[in-house]
Amino acid sequence: MRLRDTRLVFLLPMLLASPGVSYAGDSTSGQATPVAEAKVAAKDPDRIVCRSEEATGSRIPSKVCHTAREWDQMREDARKNTQDFQDRGNTTTSMRGG
């Protein structure tokens, strides 16, 4: 019981001194909250996104930057190429089987 009382004595002043927290759904102020701004920025297809990539044969990563739209296009192209390659492999093996 005594340990609990001691924790309360130390935690209560910290809780009372902490600033208020604002949530994205809180519209009491006329300003946009950082959470809402981040959601809008995350949906912007023209924002610059940088990634660290390691080249084959190198341990030193390089920084590669593209727009979100370009990253999405590259991901979709890679997916289509993989699907095409797999589809071609399946038709070739089925033709040899007979």
PDB file of N, CA and C in Angstrom:
ATOM      1  N   MET A   1       0.824  -1.191   0.000  1.00  0.00           N
ATOM      2  CA  MET A   1       0.000   0.000   0.000  1.00  0.00           C
ATOM      3  C   MET A   1       0.870   1.258   0.000  1.00  0.00           C
ATOM      4  N   ARG A   2       1.958   1.199   0.672  1.00  0.00           N
ATOM      5  CA  ARG A   2       2.817   2.369   0.792  1.00  0.00           C
ATOM      6  C   ARG A   2       3.482   2.703  -0.549  1.00  0.00           C
ATOM      7  N   LEU A   3       3.879   1.680  -1.328  1.00  0.00           N
ATOM      8  CA  LEU A   3       4.509   1.894  -2.629  1.00  0.00           C
ATOM      9  C   LEU A   3       3.540   2.581  -3.585  1.00  0.00           C
ATOM     10  N   ARG A   4       2.296   2.184  -3.555  1.00  0.00           N
ATOM     11  CA  ARG A   4       1.283   2.793  -4.402  1.00  0.00           C
ATOM     12  C   ARG A   4       1.090   4.265  -4.071  1.00  0.00           C
ATOM     13  N   ASP A   5       1.075   4.595  -2.807  1.00  0.00           N
ATOM     14  CA  ASP A   5       0.935   5.994  -2.386  1.00  0.00           C
ATOM     15  C   ASP A   5       2.136   6.810  -2.840  1.00  0.00           C
ATOM     16  N   THR A   6       3.318   6.224  -2.790  1.00  0.00           N
ATOM     17  CA  THR A   6       4.525   6.925  -3.216  1.00  0.00           C
ATOM     18  C   THR A   6       4.481   7.206  -4.708  1.00  0.00           C
ATOM     19  N   ARG A   7       4.042   6.240  -5.502  1.00  0.00           N
ATOM     20  CA  ARG A   7       3.927   6.446  -6.949  1.00  0.00           C
ATOM     21  C   ARG A   7       2.943   7.573  -7.254  1.00  0.00           C
ATOM     22  N   LEU A   8       1.849   7.592  -6.550  1.00  0.00           N
ATOM     23  CA  LEU A   8       0.839   8.618  -6.754  1.00  0.00           C
ATOM     24  C   LEU A   8       1.394  10.007  -6.461  1.00  0.00           C
ATOM     25  N   VAL A   9       2.199  10.113  -5.434  1.00  0.00           N
ATOM     26  CA  VAL A   9       2.787  11.393  -5.061  1.00  0.00           C
ATOM     27  C   VAL A   9       3.703  11.897  -6.173  1.00  0.00           C
ATOM     28  N   PHE A  10       4.430  10.994  -6.840  1.00  0.00           N
ATOM     29  CA  PHE A  10       5.341  11.403  -7.904  1.00  0.00           C
ATOM     30  C   PHE A  10       4.627  11.623  -9.239  1.00  0.00           C
ATOM     31  N   LEU A  11       3.608  10.842  -9.518  1.00  0.00           N
ATOM     32  CA  LEU A  11       2.929  10.936 -10.806  1.00  0.00           C
ATOM     33  C   LEU A  11       1.922  12.081 -10.883  1.00  0.00           C
ATOM     34  N   LEU A  12       1.289  12.401  -9.812  1.00  0.00           N
ATOM     35  CA  LEU A  12       0.264  13.428  -9.833  1.00  0.00           C
ATOM     36  C   LEU A  12       0.794  14.789 -10.287  1.00  0.00           C
ATOM     37  N   PRO A  13       1.916  15.274  -9.788  1.00  0.00           N
ATOM     38  CA  PRO A  13       2.414  16.564 -10.290  1.00  0.00           C
ATOM     39  C   PRO A  13       2.760  16.526 -11.783  1.00  0.00           C
ATOM     40  N   MET A  14       3.257  15.395 -12.270  1.00  0.00           N
ATOM     41  CA  MET A  14       3.576  15.286 -13.696  1.00  0.00           C
ATOM     42  C   MET A  14       2.319  15.354 -14.546  1.00  0.00           C
ATOM     43  N   LEU A  15       1.274  14.711 -14.099  1.00  0.00           N
ATOM     44  CA  LEU A  15       0.019  14.738 -14.839  1.00  0.00           C
ATOM     45  C   LEU A  15      -0.590  16.134 -14.851  1.00  0.00           C
ATOM     46  N   LEU A  16      -0.491  16.817 -13.751  1.00  0.00           N
ATOM     47  CA  LEU A  16      -1.049  18.158 -13.669  1.00  0.00           C
ATOM     48  C   LEU A  16      -0.251  19.161 -14.489  1.00  0.00           C
ATOM     49  N   ALA A  17       1.036  18.936 -14.644  1.00  0.00           N
ATOM     50  CA  ALA A  17       1.889  19.867 -15.376  1.00  0.00           C
ATOM     51  C   ALA A  17       1.916  19.592 -16.874  1.00  0.00           C
ATOM     52  N   SER A  18       1.428  18.436 -17.322  1.00  0.00           N
ATOM     53  CA  SER A  18       1.501  18.095 -18.746  1.00  0.00           C
ATOM     54  C   SER A  18       0.517  18.937 -19.552  1.00  0.00           C
ATOM     55  N   PRO A  19       0.902  19.331 -20.766  1.00  0.00           N
ATOM     56  CA  PRO A  19       0.005  20.129 -21.604  1.00  0.00           C
ATOM     57  C   PRO A  19      -1.156  19.283 -22.113  1.00  0.00           C
ATOM     58  N   GLY A  20      -2.200  19.937 -22.539  1.00  0.00           N
ATOM     59  CA  GLY A  20      -3.358  19.232 -23.079  1.00  0.00           C
ATOM     60  C   GLY A  20      -3.032  18.573 -24.399  1.00  0.00           C
ATOM     61  N   VAL A  21      -3.768  17.537 -24.735  1.00  0.00           N
ATOM     62  CA  VAL A  21      -3.555  16.805 -25.973  1.00  0.00           C
ATOM     63  C   VAL A  21      -4.691  17.119 -26.930  1.00  0.00           C
ATOM     64  N   SER A  22      -4.354  17.365 -28.189  1.00  0.00           N
ATOM     65  CA  SER A  22      -5.360  17.645 -29.201  1.00  0.00           C
ATOM     66  C   SER A  22      -5.453  16.462 -30.147  1.00  0.00           C
ATOM     67  N   TYR A  23      -6.652  16.057 -30.478  1.00  0.00           N
ATOM     68  CA  TYR A  23      -6.871  14.937 -31.384  1.00  0.00           C
ATOM     69  C   TYR A  23      -7.368  15.449 -32.725  1.00  0.00           C
ATOM     70  N   ALA A  24      -7.236  14.592 -33.754  1.00  0.00           N
ATOM     71  CA  ALA A  24      -7.629  14.988 -35.108  1.00  0.00           C
ATOM     72  C   ALA A  24      -9.113  15.332 -35.184  1.00  0.00           C
ATOM     73  N   GLY A  25      -9.931  14.641 -34.421  1.00  0.00           N
ATOM     74  CA  GLY A  25     -11.364  14.880 -34.462  1.00  0.00           C
ATOM     75  C   GLY A  25     -11.801  16.090 -33.650  1.00  0.00           C
ATOM     76  N   ASP A  26     -10.903  16.676 -32.884  1.00  0.00           N
ATOM     77  CA  ASP A  26     -11.211  17.816 -32.037  1.00  0.00           C
ATOM     78  C   ASP A  26     -11.212  19.082 -32.881  1.00  0.00           C
ATOM     79  N   SER A  27     -12.369  19.691 -33.051  1.00  0.00           N
ATOM     80  CA  SER A  27     -12.466  20.881 -33.894  1.00  0.00           C
ATOM     81  C   SER A  27     -12.759  22.121 -33.072  1.00  0.00           C
ATOM     82  N   THR A  28     -12.322  22.134 -31.818  1.00  0.00           N
ATOM     83  CA  THR A  28     -12.602  23.297 -30.983  1.00  0.00           C
ATOM     84  C   THR A  28     -11.802  24.501 -31.435  1.00  0.00           C
ATOM     85  N   SER A  29     -10.597  24.284 -31.966  1.00  0.00           N
ATOM     86  CA  SER A  29      -9.820  25.411 -32.481  1.00  0.00           C
ATOM     87  C   SER A  29     -10.009  25.472 -33.989  1.00  0.00           C
ATOM     88  N   GLY A  30      -9.784  26.620 -34.575  1.00  0.00           N
ATOM     89  CA  GLY A  30      -9.962  26.786 -36.008  1.00  0.00           C
ATOM     90  C   GLY A  30      -8.783  26.287 -36.822  1.00  0.00           C
ATOM     91  N   GLN A  31      -7.719  25.820 -36.173  1.00  0.00           N
ATOM     92  CA  GLN A  31      -6.518  25.394 -36.876  1.00  0.00           C
ATOM     93  C   GLN A  31      -6.531  23.895 -37.107  1.00  0.00           C
ATOM     94  N   ALA A  32      -5.839  23.483 -38.183  1.00  0.00           N
ATOM     95  CA  ALA A  32      -5.708  22.055 -38.461  1.00  0.00           C
ATOM     96  C   ALA A  32      -4.697  21.456 -37.493  1.00  0.00           C
ATOM     97  N   THR A  33      -4.961  20.245 -37.056  1.00  0.00           N
ATOM     98  CA  THR A  33      -4.047  19.574 -36.135  1.00  0.00           C
ATOM     99  C   THR A  33      -2.938  18.890 -36.936  1.00  0.00           C
ATOM    100  N   PRO A  34      -1.810  18.608 -36.308  1.00  0.00           N
ATOM    101  CA  PRO A  34      -0.724  17.916 -37.014  1.00  0.00           C
ATOM    102  C   PRO A  34      -1.150  16.560 -37.567  1.00  0.00           C
ATOM    103  N   VAL A  35      -2.031  15.871 -36.863  1.00  0.00           N
ATOM    104  CA  VAL A  35      -2.503  14.568 -37.340  1.00  0.00           C
ATOM    105  C   VAL A  35      -3.292  14.735 -38.633  1.00  0.00           C
ATOM    106  N   ALA A  36      -4.171  15.726 -38.689  1.00  0.00           N
ATOM    107  CA  ALA A  36      -4.969  15.968 -39.888  1.00  0.00           C
ATOM    108  C   ALA A  36      -4.082  16.402 -41.051  1.00  0.00           C
ATOM    109  N   GLU A  37      -3.090  17.244 -40.767  1.00  0.00           N
ATOM    110  CA  GLU A  37      -2.176  17.688 -41.815  1.00  0.00           C
ATOM    111  C   GLU A  37      -1.367  16.520 -42.363  1.00  0.00           C
ATOM    112  N   ALA A  38      -0.957  15.605 -41.498  1.00  0.00           N
ATOM    113  CA  ALA A  38      -0.186  14.440 -41.935  1.00  0.00           C
ATOM    114  C   ALA A  38      -1.032  13.534 -42.827  1.00  0.00           C
ATOM    115  N   LYS A  39      -2.314  13.386 -42.515  1.00  0.00           N
ATOM    116  CA  LYS A  39      -3.190  12.560 -43.345  1.00  0.00           C
ATOM    117  C   LYS A  39      -3.355  13.157 -44.736  1.00  0.00           C
ATOM    118  N   VAL A  40      -3.503  14.471 -44.804  1.00  0.00           N
ATOM    119  CA  VAL A  40      -3.634  15.144 -46.100  1.00  0.00           C
ATOM    120  C   VAL A  40      -2.338  15.005 -46.891  1.00  0.00           C
ATOM    121  N   ALA A  41      -1.200  15.203 -46.234  1.00  0.00           N
ATOM    122  CA  ALA A  41       0.090  15.089 -46.906  1.00  0.00           C
ATOM    123  C   ALA A  41       0.351  13.667 -47.369  1.00  0.00           C
ATOM    124  N   ALA A  42      -0.106  12.682 -46.621  1.00  0.00           N
ATOM    125  CA  ALA A  42       0.116  11.286 -46.985  1.00  0.00           C
ATOM    126  C   ALA A  42      -0.660  10.908 -48.243  1.00  0.00           C
ATOM    127  N   LYS A  43      -1.741  11.594 -48.537  1.00  0.00           N
ATOM    128  CA  LYS A  43      -2.550  11.295 -49.722  1.00  0.00           C
ATOM    129  C   LYS A  43      -2.073  12.045 -50.962  1.00  0.00           C
ATOM    130  N   ASP A  44      -1.174  12.999 -50.803  1.00  0.00           N
ATOM    131  CA  ASP A  44      -0.695  13.798 -51.926  1.00  0.00           C
ATOM    132  C   ASP A  44       0.220  12.956 -52.810  1.00  0.00           C
ATOM    133  N   PRO A  45      -0.167  12.666 -54.058  1.00  0.00           N
ATOM    134  CA  PRO A  45       0.658  11.815 -54.922  1.00  0.00           C
ATOM    135  C   PRO A  45       1.914  12.501 -55.426  1.00  0.00           C
ATOM    136  N   ASP A  46       2.014  13.822 -55.260  1.00  0.00           N
ATOM    137  CA  ASP A  46       3.186  14.548 -55.744  1.00  0.00           C
ATOM    138  C   ASP A  46       4.206  14.839 -54.651  1.00  0.00           C
ATOM    139  N   ARG A  47       3.991  14.288 -53.454  1.00  0.00           N
ATOM    140  CA  ARG A  47       4.968  14.498 -52.396  1.00  0.00           C
ATOM    141  C   ARG A  47       6.217  13.661 -52.685  1.00  0.00           C
ATOM    142  N   ILE A  48       7.351  14.121 -52.254  1.00  0.00           N
ATOM    143  CA  ILE A  48       8.610  13.426 -52.465  1.00  0.00           C
ATOM    144  C   ILE A  48       8.812  12.410 -51.338  1.00  0.00           C
ATOM    145  N   VAL A  49       9.114  11.176 -51.729  1.00  0.00           N
ATOM    146  CA  VAL A  49       9.377  10.114 -50.768  1.00  0.00           C
ATOM    147  C   VAL A  49      10.772   9.575 -51.047  1.00  0.00           C
ATOM    148  N   CYS A  50      11.630   9.581 -50.034  1.00  0.00           N
ATOM    149  CA  CYS A  50      13.002   9.082 -50.185  1.00  0.00           C
ATOM    150  C   CYS A  50      13.148   7.777 -49.426  1.00  0.00           C
ATOM    151  N   ARG A  51      13.880   6.857 -50.034  1.00  0.00           N
ATOM    152  CA  ARG A  51      14.140   5.554 -49.424  1.00  0.00           C
ATOM    153  C   ARG A  51      15.625   5.255 -49.513  1.00  0.00           C
ATOM    154  N   SER A  52      16.083   4.469 -48.588  1.00  0.00           N
ATOM    155  CA  SER A  52      17.472   4.049 -48.574  1.00  0.00           C
ATOM    156  C   SER A  52      17.538   2.657 -49.185  1.00  0.00           C
ATOM    157  N   GLU A  53      18.314   2.509 -50.263  1.00  0.00           N
ATOM    158  CA  GLU A  53      18.422   1.222 -50.952  1.00  0.00           C
ATOM    159  C   GLU A  53      19.873   0.823 -51.079  1.00  0.00           C
ATOM    160  N   GLU A  54      20.139  -0.472 -50.891  1.00  0.00           N
ATOM    161  CA  GLU A  54      21.484  -0.996 -51.055  1.00  0.00           C
ATOM    162  C   GLU A  54      21.619  -1.574 -52.456  1.00  0.00           C
ATOM    163  N   ALA A  55      22.658  -1.150 -53.156  1.00  0.00           N
ATOM    164  CA  ALA A  55      22.932  -1.691 -54.485  1.00  0.00           C
ATOM    165  C   ALA A  55      23.577  -3.067 -54.325  1.00  0.00           C
ATOM    166  N   THR A  56      23.344  -3.940 -55.278  1.00  0.00           N
ATOM    167  CA  THR A  56      23.951  -5.261 -55.244  1.00  0.00           C
ATOM    168  C   THR A  56      25.468  -5.120 -55.281  1.00  0.00           C
ATOM    169  N   GLY A  57      26.147  -5.802 -54.366  1.00  0.00           N
ATOM    170  CA  GLY A  57      27.601  -5.742 -54.307  1.00  0.00           C
ATOM    171  C   GLY A  57      28.129  -4.591 -53.473  1.00  0.00           C
ATOM    172  N   SER A  58      27.257  -3.822 -52.854  1.00  0.00           N
ATOM    173  CA  SER A  58      27.691  -2.687 -52.044  1.00  0.00           C
ATOM    174  C   SER A  58      26.995  -2.743 -50.694  1.00  0.00           C
ATOM    175  N   ARG A  59      27.710  -2.364 -49.671  1.00  0.00           N
ATOM    176  CA  ARG A  59      27.111  -2.305 -48.335  1.00  0.00           C
ATOM    177  C   ARG A  59      26.674  -0.890 -47.978  1.00  0.00           C
ATOM    178  N   ILE A  60      26.990   0.028 -48.845  1.00  0.00           N
ATOM    179  CA  ILE A  60      26.660   1.429 -48.587  1.00  0.00           C
ATOM    180  C   ILE A  60      25.315   1.743 -49.239  1.00  0.00           C
ATOM    181  N   PRO A  61      24.318   2.056 -48.437  1.00  0.00           N
ATOM    182  CA  PRO A  61      23.015   2.377 -49.017  1.00  0.00           C
ATOM    183  C   PRO A  61      23.039   3.734 -49.712  1.00  0.00           C
ATOM    184  N   SER A  62      22.231   3.845 -50.740  1.00  0.00           N
ATOM    185  CA  SER A  62      22.106   5.133 -51.422  1.00  0.00           C
ATOM    186  C   SER A  62      20.679   5.633 -51.232  1.00  0.00           C
ATOM    187  N   LYS A  63      20.539   6.923 -51.239  1.00  0.00           N
ATOM    188  CA  LYS A  63      19.230   7.547 -51.042  1.00  0.00           C
ATOM    189  C   LYS A  63      18.580   7.740 -52.404  1.00  0.00           C
ATOM    190  N   VAL A  64      17.378   7.177 -52.575  1.00  0.00           N
ATOM    191  CA  VAL A  64      16.642   7.271 -53.828  1.00  0.00           C
ATOM    192  C   VAL A  64      15.340   7.999 -53.543  1.00  0.00           C
ATOM    193  N   CYS A  65      15.099   9.071 -54.288  1.00  0.00           N
ATOM    194  CA  CYS A  65      13.902   9.886 -54.069  1.00  0.00           C
ATOM    195  C   CYS A  65      13.043   9.941 -55.335  1.00  0.00           C
ATOM    196  N   HIS A  66      11.753   9.737 -55.166  1.00  0.00           N
ATOM    197  CA  HIS A  66      10.761   9.853 -56.231  1.00  0.00           C
ATOM    198  C   HIS A  66       9.480  10.394 -55.616  1.00  0.00           C
ATOM    199  N   THR A  67       8.541  10.779 -56.454  1.00  0.00           N
ATOM    200  CA  THR A  67       7.233  11.166 -55.933  1.00  0.00           C
ATOM    201  C   THR A  67       6.470   9.902 -55.559  1.00  0.00           C
ATOM    202  N   ALA A  68       5.456  10.055 -54.730  1.00  0.00           N
ATOM    203  CA  ALA A  68       4.642   8.909 -54.324  1.00  0.00           C
ATOM    204  C   ALA A  68       4.011   8.255 -55.547  1.00  0.00           C
ATOM    205  N   ARG A  69       3.620   9.065 -56.517  1.00  0.00           N
ATOM    206  CA  ARG A  69       3.020   8.549 -57.748  1.00  0.00           C
ATOM    207  C   ARG A  69       4.020   7.670 -58.518  1.00  0.00           C
ATOM    208  N   GLU A  70       5.271   8.122 -58.593  1.00  0.00           N
ATOM    209  CA  GLU A  70       6.303   7.338 -59.288  1.00  0.00           C
ATOM    210  C   GLU A  70       6.592   6.018 -58.566  1.00  0.00           C
ATOM    211  N   TRP A  71       6.650   6.054 -57.220  1.00  0.00           N
ATOM    212  CA  TRP A  71       6.863   4.817 -56.466  1.00  0.00           C
ATOM    213  C   TRP A  71       5.717   3.837 -56.732  1.00  0.00           C
ATOM    214  N   ASP A  72       4.485   4.339 -56.734  1.00  0.00           N
ATOM    215  CA  ASP A  72       3.329   3.477 -57.002  1.00  0.00           C
ATOM    216  C   ASP A  72       3.407   2.876 -58.399  1.00  0.00           C
ATOM    217  N   GLN A  73       3.804   3.689 -59.391  1.00  0.00           N
ATOM    218  CA  GLN A  73       3.916   3.204 -60.766  1.00  0.00           C
ATOM    219  C   GLN A  73       5.003   2.133 -60.882  1.00  0.00           C
ATOM    220  N   MET A  74       6.143   2.358 -60.231  1.00  0.00           N
ATOM    221  CA  MET A  74       7.224   1.362 -60.269  1.00  0.00           C
ATOM    222  C   MET A  74       6.799   0.058 -59.598  1.00  0.00           C
ATOM    223  N   ARG A  75       6.059   0.160 -58.487  1.00  0.00           N
ATOM    224  CA  ARG A  75       5.570  -1.032 -57.798  1.00  0.00           C
ATOM    225  C   ARG A  75       4.591  -1.796 -58.695  1.00  0.00           C
ATOM    226  N   GLU A  76       3.698  -1.069 -59.357  1.00  0.00           N
ATOM    227  CA  GLU A  76       2.726  -1.706 -60.244  1.00  0.00           C
ATOM    228  C   GLU A  76       3.420  -2.350 -61.449  1.00  0.00           C
ATOM    229  N   ASP A  77       4.419  -1.673 -62.039  1.00  0.00           N
ATOM    230  CA  ASP A  77       5.175  -2.238 -63.165  1.00  0.00           C
ATOM    231  C   ASP A  77       5.887  -3.516 -62.758  1.00  0.00           C
ATOM    232  N   ALA A  78       6.503  -3.518 -61.569  1.00  0.00           N
ATOM    233  CA  ALA A  78       7.194  -4.715 -61.088  1.00  0.00           C
ATOM    234  C   ALA A  78       6.208  -5.858 -60.871  1.00  0.00           C
ATOM    235  N   ARG A  79       5.039  -5.536 -60.337  1.00  0.00           N
ATOM    236  CA  ARG A  79       4.020  -6.567 -60.113  1.00  0.00           C
ATOM    237  C   ARG A  79       3.567  -7.168 -61.444  1.00  0.00           C
ATOM    238  N   LYS A  80       3.336  -6.291 -62.442  1.00  0.00           N
ATOM    239  CA  LYS A  80       2.891  -6.775 -63.756  1.00  0.00           C
ATOM    240  C   LYS A  80       3.972  -7.618 -64.425  1.00  0.00           C
ATOM    241  N   ASN A  81       5.224  -7.178 -64.333  1.00  0.00           N
ATOM    242  CA  ASN A  81       6.319  -7.948 -64.926  1.00  0.00           C
ATOM    243  C   ASN A  81       6.441  -9.323 -64.283  1.00  0.00           C
ATOM    244  N   THR A  82       6.310  -9.379 -62.973  1.00  0.00           N
ATOM    245  CA  THR A  82       6.371 -10.652 -62.268  1.00  0.00           C
ATOM    246  C   THR A  82       5.216 -11.550 -62.689  1.00  0.00           C
ATOM    247  N   GLN A  83       4.023 -10.983 -62.778  1.00  0.00           N
ATOM    248  CA  GLN A  83       2.851 -11.759 -63.180  1.00  0.00           C
ATOM    249  C   GLN A  83       3.011 -12.282 -64.607  1.00  0.00           C
ATOM    250  N   ASP A  84       3.494 -11.432 -65.520  1.00  0.00           N
ATOM    251  CA  ASP A  84       3.718 -11.854 -66.907  1.00  0.00           C
ATOM    252  C   ASP A  84       4.741 -12.983 -66.983  1.00  0.00           C
ATOM    253  N   PHE A  85       5.818 -12.853 -66.227  1.00  0.00           N
ATOM    254  CA  PHE A  85       6.856 -13.876 -66.220  1.00  0.00           C
ATOM    255  C   PHE A  85       6.313 -15.202 -65.707  1.00  0.00           C
ATOM    256  N   GLN A  86       5.527 -15.145 -64.648  1.00  0.00           N
ATOM    257  CA  GLN A  86       4.950 -16.367 -64.084  1.00  0.00           C
ATOM    258  C   GLN A  86       3.934 -16.984 -65.034  1.00  0.00           C
ATOM    259  N   ASP A  87       3.145 -16.155 -65.700  1.00  0.00           N
ATOM    260  CA  ASP A  87       2.162 -16.674 -66.655  1.00  0.00           C
ATOM    261  C   ASP A  87       2.851 -17.341 -67.842  1.00  0.00           C
ATOM    262  N   ARG A  88       3.923 -16.731 -68.345  1.00  0.00           N
ATOM    263  CA  ARG A  88       4.664 -17.333 -69.447  1.00  0.00           C
ATOM    264  C   ARG A  88       5.271 -18.652 -69.041  1.00  0.00           C
ATOM    265  N   GLY A  89       5.780 -18.728 -67.833  1.00  0.00           N
ATOM    266  CA  GLY A  89       6.371 -19.985 -67.338  1.00  0.00           C
ATOM    267  C   GLY A  89       5.343 -21.086 -67.253  1.00  0.00           C
ATOM    268  N   ASN A  90       4.136 -20.774 -66.851  1.00  0.00           N
ATOM    269  CA  ASN A  90       3.083 -21.776 -66.724  1.00  0.00           C
ATOM    270  C   ASN A  90       2.628 -22.279 -68.094  1.00  0.00           C
ATOM    271  N   THR A  91       2.526 -21.417 -69.088  1.00  0.00           N
ATOM    272  CA  THR A  91       2.075 -21.863 -70.406  1.00  0.00           C
ATOM    273  C   THR A  91       3.157 -22.668 -71.103  1.00  0.00           C
ATOM    274  N   THR A  92       4.424 -22.341 -70.894  1.00  0.00           N
ATOM    275  CA  THR A  92       5.514 -23.067 -71.525  1.00  0.00           C
ATOM    276  C   THR A  92       5.599 -24.488 -70.987  1.00  0.00           C
ATOM    277  N   THR A  93       5.488 -24.666 -69.680  1.00  0.00           N
ATOM    278  CA  THR A  93       5.598 -25.997 -69.109  1.00  0.00           C
ATOM    279  C   THR A  93       4.396 -26.862 -69.457  1.00  0.00           C
ATOM    280  N   SER A  94       3.212 -26.272 -69.599  1.00  0.00           N
ATOM    281  CA  SER A  94       2.038 -27.067 -69.932  1.00  0.00           C
ATOM    282  C   SER A  94       2.090 -27.525 -71.385  1.00  0.00           C
ATOM    283  N   MET A  95       2.757 -26.781 -72.258  1.00  0.00           N
ATOM    284  CA  MET A  95       2.864 -27.167 -73.666  1.00  0.00           C
ATOM    285  C   MET A  95       3.830 -28.358 -73.828  1.00  0.00           C
ATOM    286  N   ARG A  96       4.856 -28.423 -72.991  1.00  0.00           N
ATOM    287  CA  ARG A  96       5.833 -29.509 -73.082  1.00  0.00           C
ATOM    288  C   ARG A  96       5.304 -30.795 -72.486  1.00  0.00           C
ATOM    289  N   GLY A  97       4.310 -30.707 -71.660  1.00  0.00           N
ATOM    290  CA  GLY A  97       3.845 -31.878 -70.948  1.00  0.00           C
ATOM    291  C   GLY A  97       3.136 -32.907 -71.812  1.00  0.00           C
ATOM    292  N   GLY A  98       2.735 -32.632 -73.050  1.00  0.00           N
ATOM    293  CA  GLY A  98       1.897 -33.530 -73.776  1.00  0.00           C
ATOM    294  C   GLY A  98       2.547 -34.321 -74.781  1.00  0.00           C
TER     295      GLY A  98
END
